[in-house]
Amino acid sequence: MNPAQKPTSTYKVFEPLLLAISMVVGMFLGYNVFDNKNDLSLLSQSAIDSTNSNSGIGRIEEIIRIVDNSYVDEINTDEISSEAIQSILTQLDPHSSYISPEELEEYNQRMEGVHKGIGIESKFVDDSLFVSYVTPDSEADKAGLKPGNIILEIGNDTISGKKRSIKFVQEKLRKAETPSLAFKVQSQNQNIQDLDIKLDEVVVQSASSHYLIDENHGYIKINRFSANTYDQFFKSLESIANQAKKDDFNLILDLRDNPGGFVPQTLRILSQLFNTKDKLLSYTIGEHRKRKEYNSTGRNFYKVKNIVVLINENSASASEIIAGAIQDWDRGVLIGKGTYGKGLVQEIFPLKRGGAIRLTVARYATPSGRFIQKPYEIKNDDQLQEDSTFYTKKYKRKIKNNGGILPDIIVEEDLDSQYDSKVTEFVCKHILPFNNKIDLKELIDESKPLAIKRTASEFTERQIRAELIHSWYGKIHYYEYFQKRDPLVMKAIEILSKDDPMKKLASNEL
């Protein structure tokens, strides 16, 4: 081999080193965790006791120094460290992971529920960035952006026609150093407009979709749990209470396709659904974490009578905590399909050289003692409780525990009522650019044909109407329209119309 050439071999010979680096960086340099602002962490974020550190750290440091000073070739230690950390974390459980410095800020914004933007929803279709929804009174709305517009350029960057990604656009807005950006936009009739649009903090609406189904039945959809989800849920609950004819009303809580998020938000939401104090809502336990219990506060403001929770296979984590507590206390009926089965608690440990590790530190359980996590290859498989029997608190109903939360009543979802990104693509490309906004009543009235320009498509009239409602009138009207025929919502109304539905469920009368 020519001595001037650097070898291209892999780093397999450095597996011990990789493990050493990941242990040093991930566990011992990263024990200053985030401040517990706004009660965002499920567990108290205390520092790891350095006195419990492995005595082999000295040898690890020695190996690193020797390799750094003596290895034959130049090594990208940052790249190796990142790969090593990710490698070791993936061997622990499915949810522990490494977050790179570039991903950390995006992760924090997603969890906080606020990001820098202009107030639109958008989607790439055939490498063109279409605006699919404009938030009323947002900066985009004030500037005149409309659903169906195509964003051609942002600042000095060409967006459409360049095989860009949504992440590229998000980074462009997030990292902007000016209070506004220049947008080149193609509107209806191929007109090109130059718009100067201010950037603002955009709040992600995670629990604002709600409506009153009839005088005594309310509906709230929660998409995920971020730092402001409880506040949005409370406002939605307040709106329903103000519209309801009675002081107490029934509630349908839709957690379908909700991947989870900040668990403390779920505990605050649960406290609004239980009218007594000190009911156990969930608890956590781990090898290095003592059992910690989370109880209801008894400070609920509205009289929620009977509850139905809608779940499916994509309901995970924090969603499963709510479903499990409601089921275990016989507080409400669960309808749908079995949930995802993600029952592990993660903490974020920032690393001094940038990035962080998202490390599983405990399991969470329902009030009856069920661990929600589905089985995977771990050392402590005796804690999976696959063969254990559990019972609800009030009516002593037998409940299974094979990971996840199983519904009380299984109902198949209507595929025609599920979100389909291809419908969004079709509407953005073939309808929105060529049609003016249609009156909401006309869109909802399925007896009237849609006066729109469209090409033949594989989608039903109802799917297209729903997507147009979303683009022009927002998600609240979108859910309200779709769920008039949603079999889960229809079943929920049927159950809630009965006297004491929980008692009937316990006696097999539902």
Protein backbone atom coordinates (compact mmCIF):
# COMPACT_ATOMS: atom_id res chain seq x y z
CA MET A 1 0.00 0.00 0.00
CA ASN A 2 1.24 3.48 -0.80
CA PRO A 3 2.07 5.14 2.57
CA ALA A 4 0.55 8.38 1.32
CA GLN A 5 -2.84 6.74 0.91
CA LYS A 6 -5.21 6.58 3.88
CA PRO A 7 -6.95 3.26 4.36
CA THR A 8 -10.70 3.10 3.80
CA SER A 9 -11.33 0.25 6.21
CA THR A 10 -14.22 0.28 8.63
CA TYR A 11 -13.90 0.88 12.31
CA LYS A 12 -14.81 -2.63 13.41
CA VAL A 13 -11.47 -3.00 15.14
CA PHE A 14 -12.47 -0.07 17.33
CA GLU A 15 -15.63 -1.60 18.84
CA PRO A 16 -14.16 -1.49 22.36
CA LEU A 17 -13.22 2.12 21.76
CA LEU A 18 -16.66 2.97 20.45
CA LEU A 19 -18.27 1.54 23.54
CA ALA A 20 -15.82 3.41 25.70
CA ILE A 21 -16.49 6.73 24.02
CA SER A 22 -20.24 6.27 24.22
CA MET A 23 -20.03 5.39 27.91
CA VAL A 24 -17.86 8.40 28.65
CA VAL A 25 -19.74 10.91 26.59
CA GLY A 26 -23.24 9.54 27.10
CA MET A 27 -23.25 8.68 30.75
CA PHE A 28 -20.54 10.62 32.52
CA LEU A 29 -20.20 13.87 30.61
CA GLY A 30 -23.93 14.26 30.15
CA TYR A 31 -25.45 14.27 33.60
CA ASN A 32 -26.48 17.91 33.65
CA VAL A 33 -30.10 17.59 32.55
CA PHE A 34 -32.59 20.22 31.45
CA ASP A 35 -34.18 22.47 34.01
CA ASN A 36 -37.63 21.23 34.94
CA LYS A 37 -39.45 24.25 33.51
CA ASN A 38 -43.23 24.16 33.43
CA ASP A 39 -43.16 20.69 34.96
CA LEU A 40 -42.27 19.14 31.62
CA SER A 41 -40.48 16.07 32.93
CA LEU A 42 -42.26 13.06 34.32
CA LEU A 43 -39.45 12.27 36.73
CA SER A 44 -37.50 14.72 38.84
CA GLN A 45 -34.41 15.57 36.81
CA SER A 46 -31.74 15.11 39.46
CA ALA A 47 -28.10 14.64 38.55
CA ILE A 48 -26.71 11.15 38.36
CA ASP A 49 -24.61 10.41 41.42
CA SER A 50 -21.04 10.35 40.23
CA THR A 51 -20.06 8.21 43.19
CA ASN A 52 -21.88 5.31 41.52
CA SER A 53 -19.71 5.57 38.41
CA ASN A 54 -17.89 2.53 37.11
CA SER A 55 -14.34 2.26 38.36
CA GLY A 56 -13.27 1.48 34.81
CA ILE A 57 -13.58 5.10 33.72
CA GLY A 58 -9.86 5.64 34.24
CA ARG A 59 -9.05 2.84 31.82
CA ILE A 60 -11.55 4.22 29.29
CA GLU A 61 -9.94 7.65 29.42
CA GLU A 62 -6.54 6.02 29.06
CA ILE A 63 -7.61 4.18 25.92
CA ILE A 64 -9.02 7.37 24.40
CA ARG A 65 -5.80 9.28 25.07
CA ILE A 66 -3.64 6.51 23.59
CA VAL A 67 -5.71 6.23 20.41
CA ASP A 68 -6.04 9.99 20.01
CA ASN A 69 -2.28 10.47 20.32
CA SER A 70 -0.93 7.37 18.62
CA TYR A 71 -3.30 5.90 15.99
CA VAL A 72 -1.81 5.61 12.49
CA ASP A 73 -4.55 7.60 10.70
CA GLU A 74 -6.56 10.71 11.35
CA ILE A 75 -9.93 9.89 12.94
CA ASN A 76 -13.14 11.90 12.95
CA THR A 77 -13.87 11.46 16.64
CA ASP A 78 -17.19 13.36 16.47
CA GLU A 79 -18.54 11.02 13.81
CA ILE A 80 -17.31 7.92 15.61
CA SER A 81 -18.75 9.15 18.89
CA SER A 82 -22.17 9.75 17.36
CA GLU A 83 -22.25 6.33 15.75
CA ALA A 84 -21.04 4.67 18.93
CA ILE A 85 -23.63 6.36 21.12
CA GLN A 86 -26.44 5.44 18.74
CA SER A 87 -25.16 1.87 18.51
CA ILE A 88 -25.10 1.27 22.23
CA LEU A 89 -28.48 2.94 22.87
CA THR A 90 -30.24 0.82 20.26
CA GLN A 91 -29.13 -2.27 22.19
CA LEU A 92 -30.98 -1.08 25.31
CA ASP A 93 -34.59 -0.66 24.17
CA PRO A 94 -36.53 0.63 21.15
CA HIS A 95 -36.93 4.16 22.52
CA SER A 96 -33.52 5.19 23.89
CA SER A 97 -31.75 7.18 21.20
CA TYR A 98 -29.07 9.74 20.41
CA ILE A 99 -30.16 13.24 19.39
CA SER A 100 -27.58 15.10 17.31
CA PRO A 101 -26.90 18.80 17.95
CA GLU A 102 -28.76 19.62 14.73
CA GLU A 103 -31.81 17.63 15.82
CA LEU A 104 -31.88 18.82 19.43
CA GLU A 105 -33.30 22.28 18.80
CA GLU A 106 -35.96 20.86 16.49
CA TYR A 107 -36.82 18.24 19.10
CA ASN A 108 -37.21 20.89 21.80
CA GLN A 109 -39.45 23.02 19.59
CA ARG A 110 -41.65 20.04 18.77
CA MET A 111 -42.06 19.17 22.44
CA GLU A 112 -42.67 22.80 23.45
CA GLY A 113 -45.41 23.09 20.83
CA VAL A 114 -44.06 26.38 19.45
CA HIS A 115 -41.91 27.01 16.38
CA LYS A 116 -40.86 29.88 14.17
CA GLY A 117 -42.99 30.11 11.07
CA ILE A 118 -45.61 32.05 9.12
CA GLY A 119 -48.76 30.05 9.95
CA ILE A 120 -49.34 27.60 7.12
CA GLU A 121 -49.55 23.90 6.42
CA SER A 122 -47.81 22.84 3.24
CA LYS A 123 -46.92 19.78 1.21
CA PHE A 124 -44.58 18.96 -1.64
CA VAL A 125 -46.40 17.60 -4.69
CA ASP A 126 -44.30 16.78 -7.76
CA ASP A 127 -41.45 18.85 -6.22
CA SER A 128 -43.69 21.94 -5.90
CA LEU A 129 -44.44 23.28 -2.41
CA PHE A 130 -48.21 23.76 -2.20
CA VAL A 131 -49.92 25.68 0.59
CA SER A 132 -52.64 23.37 1.91
CA TYR A 133 -53.94 25.52 4.80
CA VAL A 134 -53.47 29.06 6.07
CA THR A 135 -54.13 29.80 9.75
CA PRO A 136 -56.62 32.69 10.11
CA ASP A 137 -54.98 35.96 11.27
CA SER A 138 -51.50 34.49 10.89
CA GLU A 139 -48.70 36.43 9.20
CA ALA A 140 -49.23 34.36 6.06
CA ASP A 141 -52.93 35.22 6.08
CA LYS A 142 -52.19 38.93 6.55
CA ALA A 143 -49.75 38.82 3.63
CA GLY A 144 -52.39 37.29 1.35
CA LEU A 145 -51.17 33.70 1.03
CA LYS A 146 -53.98 31.31 0.01
CA PRO A 147 -54.50 27.53 -0.05
CA GLY A 148 -53.40 26.26 -3.46
CA ASN A 149 -50.59 28.81 -3.83
CA ILE A 150 -47.18 27.42 -4.76
CA ILE A 151 -44.15 28.74 -2.91
CA LEU A 152 -41.43 29.15 -5.54
CA GLU A 153 -38.72 30.89 -3.53
CA ILE A 154 -37.94 31.81 0.07
CA GLY A 155 -35.25 34.43 0.50
CA ASN A 156 -32.47 33.59 -1.94
CA ASP A 157 -33.34 29.90 -2.19
CA THR A 158 -35.43 28.23 -4.89
CA ILE A 159 -37.93 25.94 -3.19
CA SER A 160 -40.09 24.40 -5.90
CA GLY A 161 -38.43 22.44 -8.69
CA LYS A 162 -35.31 21.66 -6.67
CA LYS A 163 -36.26 18.41 -4.93
CA ARG A 164 -36.34 20.18 -1.60
CA SER A 165 -37.85 18.75 1.58
CA ILE A 166 -40.20 20.08 4.25
CA LYS A 167 -37.28 19.89 6.68
CA PHE A 168 -35.26 22.19 4.44
CA VAL A 169 -38.08 24.75 4.46
CA GLN A 170 -38.51 24.47 8.23
CA GLU A 171 -34.78 25.04 8.74
CA LYS A 172 -34.91 28.03 6.42
CA LEU A 173 -37.58 29.66 8.59
CA ARG A 174 -36.18 28.53 11.93
CA LYS A 175 -32.67 29.84 11.28
CA ALA A 176 -33.71 33.12 9.67
CA GLU A 177 -31.87 36.06 11.23
CA THR A 178 -34.28 38.69 9.89
CA PRO A 179 -37.81 39.48 11.18
CA SER A 180 -39.31 38.67 7.77
CA LEU A 181 -38.48 36.80 4.58
CA ALA A 182 -39.19 37.41 0.90
CA PHE A 183 -41.50 34.82 -0.67
CA LYS A 184 -42.06 34.36 -4.38
CA VAL A 185 -45.47 32.75 -4.80
CA GLN A 186 -47.44 31.43 -7.75
CA SER A 187 -51.15 32.10 -7.26
CA GLN A 188 -54.22 31.23 -9.29
CA ASN A 189 -53.99 31.78 -13.05
CA GLN A 190 -50.19 31.33 -12.86
CA ASN A 191 -49.70 34.87 -11.50
CA ILE A 192 -46.38 35.42 -9.69
CA GLN A 193 -46.40 37.50 -6.50
CA ASP A 194 -43.56 38.79 -4.34
CA LEU A 195 -44.62 38.81 -0.69
CA ASP A 196 -42.70 39.98 2.35
CA ILE A 197 -43.98 37.83 5.22
CA LYS A 198 -43.08 38.35 8.88
CA LEU A 199 -41.90 35.43 10.96
CA ASP A 200 -43.66 34.71 14.20
CA GLU A 201 -43.91 32.09 16.93
CA VAL A 202 -46.53 29.61 15.73
CA VAL A 203 -48.33 27.57 18.37
CA VAL A 204 -49.01 23.98 17.35
CA GLN A 205 -52.71 23.28 17.94
CA SER A 206 -52.59 19.86 19.59
CA ALA A 207 -55.92 19.86 21.45
CA SER A 208 -58.00 22.67 19.98
CA SER A 209 -60.20 20.58 17.65
CA HIS A 210 -63.50 20.28 19.47
CA TYR A 211 -67.21 20.70 18.94
CA LEU A 212 -70.58 19.98 20.54
CA ILE A 213 -72.14 16.98 18.79
CA ASP A 214 -75.54 17.68 20.30
CA GLU A 215 -76.82 19.43 23.41
CA ASN A 216 -75.16 16.95 25.76
CA HIS A 217 -72.26 15.31 23.92
CA GLY A 218 -68.89 16.99 23.37
CA TYR A 219 -65.92 15.87 21.29
CA ILE A 220 -62.23 16.76 21.73
CA LYS A 221 -59.40 15.51 19.54
CA ILE A 222 -55.85 15.49 20.97
CA ASN A 223 -53.18 15.02 18.29
CA ARG A 224 -50.15 14.85 20.61
CA PHE A 225 -49.00 16.07 24.02
CA SER A 226 -46.73 19.11 23.95
CA ALA A 227 -46.06 21.76 26.58
CA ASN A 228 -49.29 23.66 25.85
CA THR A 229 -51.67 20.73 25.29
CA TYR A 230 -53.37 20.98 28.69
CA ASP A 231 -54.14 24.68 28.20
CA GLN A 232 -55.68 23.95 24.80
CA PHE A 233 -57.62 21.00 26.19
CA PHE A 234 -58.97 23.14 29.03
CA LYS A 235 -60.13 25.86 26.61
CA SER A 236 -61.82 23.21 24.45
CA LEU A 237 -63.51 21.73 27.52
CA GLU A 238 -64.62 25.19 28.59
CA SER A 239 -66.09 25.89 25.16
CA ILE A 240 -68.10 22.66 25.22
CA ALA A 241 -69.32 23.33 28.78
CA ASN A 242 -70.52 26.81 27.80
CA GLN A 243 -72.48 25.41 24.85
CA ALA A 244 -73.98 22.37 26.57
CA LYS A 245 -77.57 22.55 27.74
CA LYS A 246 -76.85 20.87 31.08
CA ASP A 247 -74.28 21.51 33.79
CA ASP A 248 -72.91 18.01 33.27
CA PHE A 249 -72.18 16.67 29.81
CA ASN A 250 -70.70 13.57 28.19
CA LEU A 251 -67.32 13.63 26.50
CA ILE A 252 -65.77 11.75 23.60
CA LEU A 253 -61.99 12.00 23.86
CA ASP A 254 -60.29 11.04 20.60
CA LEU A 255 -56.70 9.78 21.07
CA ARG A 256 -56.43 7.92 17.79
CA ASP A 257 -53.05 8.32 16.06
CA ASN A 258 -51.71 10.25 19.05
CA PRO A 259 -48.02 9.26 19.50
CA GLY A 260 -47.67 10.74 22.99
CA GLY A 261 -45.33 13.45 24.25
CA PHE A 262 -45.10 15.24 27.60
CA VAL A 263 -46.61 12.93 30.20
CA PRO A 264 -47.27 15.66 32.85
CA GLN A 265 -49.78 17.17 30.43
CA THR A 266 -51.76 13.93 30.50
CA LEU A 267 -51.80 13.92 34.29
CA ARG A 268 -53.25 17.44 34.36
CA ILE A 269 -55.86 16.43 31.78
CA LEU A 270 -56.79 13.35 33.80
CA SER A 271 -57.29 15.50 36.89
CA GLN A 272 -60.02 17.33 34.99
CA LEU A 273 -61.77 14.01 34.37
CA PHE A 274 -61.72 12.70 37.96
CA ASN A 275 -63.67 14.67 40.57
CA THR A 276 -61.97 13.20 43.64
CA LYS A 277 -58.53 13.83 45.07
CA ASP A 278 -55.64 11.36 45.39
CA LYS A 279 -56.82 8.77 42.87
CA LEU A 280 -53.75 7.00 41.52
CA LEU A 281 -53.43 7.87 37.82
CA SER A 282 -50.11 6.24 37.03
CA TYR A 283 -46.81 5.32 38.63
CA THR A 284 -43.24 4.84 37.44
CA ILE A 285 -40.49 2.52 38.59
CA GLY A 286 -37.01 1.63 37.36
CA GLU A 287 -33.75 0.06 38.44
CA HIS A 288 -32.37 3.44 39.54
CA ARG A 289 -35.71 5.14 40.22
CA LYS A 290 -37.89 4.49 43.22
CA ARG A 291 -41.58 4.05 42.67
CA LYS A 292 -43.22 7.42 42.13
CA GLU A 293 -46.97 7.84 42.08
CA TYR A 294 -49.06 10.46 40.28
CA ASN A 295 -52.49 11.21 41.73
CA SER A 296 -55.52 13.28 40.80
CA THR A 297 -55.75 16.77 42.30
CA GLY A 298 -59.53 16.88 42.79
CA ARG A 299 -59.53 20.40 41.33
CA ASN A 300 -61.66 19.85 38.26
CA PHE A 301 -63.71 22.78 36.97
CA TYR A 302 -66.37 21.18 34.77
CA LYS A 303 -68.78 18.34 35.34
CA VAL A 304 -67.83 15.71 32.80
CA LYS A 305 -70.41 12.96 33.26
CA ASN A 306 -69.70 9.88 31.13
CA ILE A 307 -66.59 9.42 28.99
CA VAL A 308 -65.68 7.42 25.90
CA VAL A 309 -62.04 7.29 24.79
CA LEU A 310 -61.24 6.42 21.16
CA ILE A 311 -57.96 4.58 20.58
CA ASN A 312 -56.19 2.68 17.83
CA GLU A 313 -52.89 0.96 17.11
CA ASN A 314 -51.14 4.33 16.73
CA SER A 315 -52.17 5.62 20.16
CA ALA A 316 -48.97 5.49 22.19
CA SER A 317 -47.15 6.53 25.34
CA ALA A 318 -48.94 9.44 27.04
CA SER A 319 -52.15 8.47 25.20
CA GLU A 320 -51.95 5.05 26.80
CA ILE A 321 -51.57 6.56 30.26
CA ILE A 322 -54.90 8.36 29.83
CA ALA A 323 -56.61 5.30 28.36
CA GLY A 324 -55.20 3.04 31.08
CA ALA A 325 -56.29 5.29 33.95
CA ILE A 326 -59.79 5.74 32.50
CA GLN A 327 -60.15 1.98 32.04
CA ASP A 328 -58.66 0.90 35.37
CA TRP A 329 -60.95 3.15 37.39
CA ASP A 330 -64.03 2.27 35.29
CA ARG A 331 -64.27 5.99 34.54
CA GLY A 332 -65.17 5.49 30.90
CA VAL A 333 -65.47 3.09 27.97
CA LEU A 334 -62.60 2.50 25.57
CA ILE A 335 -63.55 1.97 21.90
CA GLY A 336 -61.41 1.07 18.90
CA LYS A 337 -58.32 -1.12 18.62
CA GLY A 338 -55.43 -2.08 20.91
CA THR A 339 -52.84 0.64 21.40
CA TYR A 340 -49.18 0.72 20.38
CA GLY A 341 -47.64 -0.43 23.68
CA LYS A 342 -45.02 2.21 24.50
CA GLY A 343 -44.67 2.31 28.27
CA LEU A 344 -41.16 3.56 28.93
CA VAL A 345 -40.14 6.85 30.51
CA GLN A 346 -37.32 8.81 28.89
CA GLU A 347 -35.19 11.63 30.21
CA ILE A 348 -33.05 13.93 28.08
CA PHE A 349 -29.37 14.09 29.05
CA PRO A 350 -27.56 16.90 27.17
CA LEU A 351 -23.94 16.21 26.25
CA LYS A 352 -21.30 18.84 26.87
CA ARG A 353 -20.03 18.61 23.31
CA GLY A 354 -23.50 19.05 21.84
CA GLY A 355 -26.49 16.84 21.24
CA ALA A 356 -28.15 14.69 23.87
CA ILE A 357 -29.20 11.16 24.69
CA ARG A 358 -32.80 10.26 25.22
CA LEU A 359 -32.49 7.52 27.80
CA THR A 360 -35.14 5.21 29.21
CA VAL A 361 -35.01 5.47 33.01
CA ALA A 362 -38.25 3.84 34.14
CA ARG A 363 -41.44 2.05 33.15
CA TYR A 364 -44.84 3.52 33.74
CA ALA A 365 -47.82 1.52 34.84
CA THR A 366 -51.58 1.97 35.05
CA PRO A 367 -53.36 2.23 38.43
CA SER A 368 -54.04 -1.52 38.47
CA GLY A 369 -50.33 -2.26 38.05
CA ARG A 370 -50.22 -3.06 34.35
CA PHE A 371 -46.98 -2.20 32.55
CA ILE A 372 -47.95 -0.86 29.14
CA GLN A 373 -44.72 -1.58 27.28
CA LYS A 374 -44.98 -4.41 24.78
CA PRO A 375 -42.34 -7.17 25.06
CA TYR A 376 -38.94 -6.67 23.47
CA GLU A 377 -35.51 -8.18 24.11
CA ILE A 378 -34.43 -6.95 27.52
CA LYS A 379 -32.76 -8.51 30.51
CA ASN A 380 -35.65 -7.88 32.89
CA ASP A 381 -38.24 -9.86 30.93
CA ASP A 382 -39.71 -11.07 34.22
CA GLN A 383 -41.34 -7.62 34.51
CA LEU A 384 -43.42 -7.97 31.37
CA GLN A 385 -46.35 -9.57 33.21
CA GLU A 386 -47.58 -11.44 30.14
CA ASP A 387 -49.42 -14.05 32.18
CA SER A 388 -50.64 -11.79 34.99
CA THR A 389 -54.30 -11.04 35.61
CA PHE A 390 -55.56 -7.57 36.47
CA TYR A 391 -58.91 -6.17 37.49
CA THR A 392 -60.50 -2.74 37.27
CA LYS A 393 -60.88 -0.78 40.49
CA LYS A 394 -64.64 -0.19 40.70
CA TYR A 395 -66.39 -3.09 38.98
CA LYS A 396 -63.55 -5.62 39.21
CA ARG A 397 -63.67 -6.34 35.51
CA LYS A 398 -60.90 -8.63 34.27
CA ILE A 399 -58.48 -6.82 31.95
CA LYS A 400 -55.72 -8.33 29.86
CA ASN A 401 -52.10 -7.22 29.82
CA ASN A 402 -50.11 -8.23 26.78
CA GLY A 403 -48.64 -4.81 26.17
CA GLY A 404 -50.61 -1.74 25.20
CA ILE A 405 -54.20 -1.04 26.22
CA LEU A 406 -56.98 -3.19 24.80
CA PRO A 407 -60.33 -1.46 24.23
CA ASP A 408 -63.51 -2.51 26.01
CA ILE A 409 -65.32 -2.59 22.68
CA ILE A 410 -63.55 -3.31 19.39
CA VAL A 411 -64.78 -1.23 16.46
CA GLU A 412 -63.14 -1.12 13.03
CA GLU A 413 -62.36 2.30 11.62
CA ASP A 414 -63.86 3.58 8.39
CA LEU A 415 -60.99 3.82 5.91
CA ASP A 416 -62.90 6.55 4.11
CA SER A 417 -62.72 8.65 7.28
CA GLN A 418 -58.98 8.33 7.80
CA TYR A 419 -56.48 10.96 6.76
CA ASP A 420 -54.79 10.17 3.47
CA SER A 421 -51.90 12.36 2.35
CA LYS A 422 -52.60 11.42 -1.26
CA VAL A 423 -55.97 13.15 -1.02
CA THR A 424 -54.16 16.29 0.12
CA GLU A 425 -51.83 15.99 -2.86
CA PHE A 426 -54.72 15.59 -5.29
CA VAL A 427 -56.65 18.56 -3.90
CA CYS A 428 -53.53 20.79 -3.84
CA LYS A 429 -52.64 19.95 -7.41
CA HIS A 430 -56.01 19.69 -9.17
CA ILE A 431 -58.56 21.73 -7.22
CA LEU A 432 -57.22 24.51 -4.98
CA PRO A 433 -55.22 26.32 -7.70
CA PHE A 434 -58.26 26.49 -10.01
CA ASN A 435 -61.24 27.11 -7.73
CA ASN A 436 -62.38 29.89 -5.46
CA LYS A 437 -63.39 29.19 -1.90
CA ILE A 438 -66.73 27.36 -1.64
CA ASP A 439 -69.29 28.06 1.07
CA LEU A 440 -68.99 25.68 4.04
CA LYS A 441 -72.68 24.73 3.96
CA GLU A 442 -72.36 23.72 0.33
CA LEU A 443 -69.31 21.60 1.09
CA ILE A 444 -71.04 19.83 3.97
CA ASP A 445 -74.26 19.20 2.02
CA GLU A 446 -73.46 15.98 0.16
CA SER A 447 -76.75 16.11 -1.74
CA LYS A 448 -75.37 18.96 -3.83
CA PRO A 449 -72.69 18.24 -6.45
CA LEU A 450 -69.40 20.08 -6.05
CA ALA A 451 -69.02 22.86 -8.58
CA ILE A 452 -65.28 22.41 -8.94
CA LYS A 453 -62.77 21.80 -11.66
CA ARG A 454 -61.18 18.40 -11.10
CA THR A 455 -59.74 15.47 -12.98
CA ALA A 456 -60.78 11.88 -12.47
CA SER A 457 -59.43 10.49 -9.23
CA GLU A 458 -59.41 7.36 -7.10
CA PHE A 459 -60.80 9.26 -4.12
CA THR A 460 -64.38 9.46 -3.00
CA GLU A 461 -66.44 12.63 -3.12
CA ARG A 462 -66.53 12.60 0.66
CA GLN A 463 -62.74 12.47 0.99
CA ILE A 464 -62.37 15.40 -1.38
CA ARG A 465 -65.03 17.43 0.43
CA ALA A 466 -63.28 16.76 3.73
CA GLU A 467 -59.92 17.90 2.40
CA LEU A 468 -61.44 21.08 0.96
CA ILE A 469 -63.10 21.77 4.31
CA HIS A 470 -59.72 21.37 5.98
CA SER A 471 -57.96 23.67 3.51
CA TRP A 472 -60.56 26.43 3.63
CA TYR A 473 -62.10 26.15 7.09
CA GLY A 474 -59.65 24.28 9.35
CA LYS A 475 -59.43 21.05 11.31
CA ILE A 476 -62.38 21.62 13.64
CA HIS A 477 -64.86 21.61 10.74
CA TYR A 478 -62.84 18.81 9.09
CA TYR A 479 -63.33 16.48 12.07
CA GLU A 480 -66.93 17.53 12.54
CA TYR A 481 -67.75 16.69 8.92
CA PHE A 482 -65.91 13.38 8.77
CA GLN A 483 -67.13 12.06 12.08
CA LYS A 484 -70.82 12.29 11.33
CA ARG A 485 -70.29 8.86 9.75
CA ASP A 486 -67.31 7.72 11.79
CA PRO A 487 -68.27 4.28 13.19
CA LEU A 488 -66.29 4.89 16.42
CA VAL A 489 -67.96 8.23 17.09
CA MET A 490 -71.37 6.79 16.24
CA LYS A 491 -70.77 3.89 18.64
CA ALA A 492 -69.59 6.33 21.32
CA ILE A 493 -72.81 8.37 21.03
CA GLU A 494 -74.86 5.18 21.22
CA ILE A 495 -73.09 4.16 24.44
CA LEU A 496 -73.22 7.61 26.03
CA SER A 497 -76.97 7.84 25.39
CA LYS A 498 -77.54 4.95 27.83
CA ASP A 499 -78.04 5.37 31.58
CA ASP A 500 -74.87 4.50 33.50
CA PRO A 501 -72.95 2.99 30.55
CA MET A 502 -70.09 1.78 32.77
CA LYS A 503 -72.44 -0.30 34.89
CA LYS A 504 -73.95 -1.78 31.74
CA LEU A 505 -70.46 -2.56 30.41
CA ALA A 506 -69.58 -4.36 33.65
CA SER A 507 -72.73 -6.47 33.39
CA ASN A 508 -72.17 -7.20 29.67
CA GLU A 509 -75.25 -5.23 28.61
CA LEU A 510 -73.52 -2.95 26.09
